[in-house]
């Protein structure tokens, strides 16, 4: 079973804009951890966030509480 990646949905478009602009984000996951960095890519299952040391963190979409741009 594969998840449909709906490129027309507002959440997907918003994340694509954050990727395109290279905007730093704060992402909270269900464990309570905060992940900071830039979103490198997204697919139907995961989002990859690169930290300040250029280290990737791959986060399963279903574990995300919120994603917000850092000011």
Protein backbone atom coordinates (compact mmCIF):
# COMPACT_ATOMS: atom_id res chain seq x y z
CA UNK A 1 0.00 0.00 0.00
CA UNK A 2 1.47 3.35 -0.99
CA UNK A 3 0.40 6.74 0.32
CA UNK A 4 -0.73 9.28 -2.22
CA UNK A 5 1.49 12.38 -2.40
CA UNK A 6 -0.96 15.17 -3.15
CA UNK A 7 1.13 18.01 -4.53
CA UNK A 8 -1.94 20.24 -4.74
CA UNK A 9 -2.77 20.16 -1.04
CA UNK A 10 -2.03 23.34 0.93
CA UNK A 11 0.27 21.64 3.46
CA UNK A 12 2.44 20.10 0.72
CA UNK A 13 2.63 23.41 -1.14
CA UNK A 14 3.54 25.29 2.05
CA UNK A 15 6.37 22.85 2.82
CA UNK A 16 7.57 23.08 -0.80
CA UNK A 17 7.72 26.87 -0.42
CA UNK A 18 9.80 26.50 2.76
CA UNK A 19 12.18 24.18 0.87
CA UNK A 20 12.42 26.53 -2.10
CA UNK A 21 13.06 29.59 0.10
CA UNK A 22 15.56 27.78 2.34
CA UNK A 23 13.60 28.94 5.37
CA UNK A 24 14.63 27.56 8.75
CA UNK A 25 11.86 25.76 10.59
CA UNK A 26 11.06 24.44 14.03
CA UNK A 27 9.39 21.03 13.98
CA UNK A 28 7.87 19.45 17.07
CA UNK A 29 7.36 15.69 17.13
CA UNK A 30 5.11 13.56 19.33
CA UNK A 31 7.99 12.74 21.71
CA UNK A 32 8.12 16.44 22.59
CA UNK A 33 11.48 16.96 20.86
CA UNK A 34 12.04 20.07 18.76
CA UNK A 35 13.94 19.71 15.51
CA UNK A 36 15.45 22.86 14.03
CA UNK A 37 16.86 23.30 10.56
CA UNK A 38 15.94 23.55 6.91
CA UNK A 39 13.67 21.11 5.16
CA UNK A 40 15.68 19.44 2.40
CA UNK A 41 12.96 17.22 0.89
CA UNK A 42 9.61 15.61 1.53
CA UNK A 43 7.83 12.55 0.25
CA UNK A 44 4.55 10.88 1.09
CA UNK A 45 5.99 9.29 4.24
CA UNK A 46 8.82 11.47 5.55
CA UNK A 47 10.38 14.92 5.74
CA UNK A 48 14.15 15.45 5.88
CA UNK A 49 15.43 18.33 8.03
CA UNK A 50 19.08 19.40 7.79
CA UNK A 51 20.55 20.88 10.97
CA UNK A 52 23.22 23.58 11.33
CA UNK A 53 25.94 20.93 10.95
CA UNK A 54 24.41 19.72 7.66
CA UNK A 55 23.29 16.49 9.35
CA UNK A 56 19.97 15.07 8.14
CA UNK A 57 17.10 14.04 10.39
CA UNK A 58 14.39 12.05 8.66
CA UNK A 59 11.03 12.45 10.37
CA UNK A 60 7.97 10.30 9.71
CA UNK A 61 5.02 12.55 8.84
CA UNK A 62 2.71 10.81 11.32
CA UNK A 63 5.03 11.79 14.19
CA UNK A 64 4.89 15.56 13.50
CA UNK A 65 2.93 17.79 15.86
CA UNK A 66 3.70 21.06 14.05
CA UNK A 67 6.10 22.77 11.64
CA UNK A 68 6.60 26.52 11.80
CA UNK A 69 9.00 28.92 10.13
CA UNK A 70 11.60 30.44 12.45
CA UNK A 71 11.70 34.20 12.55
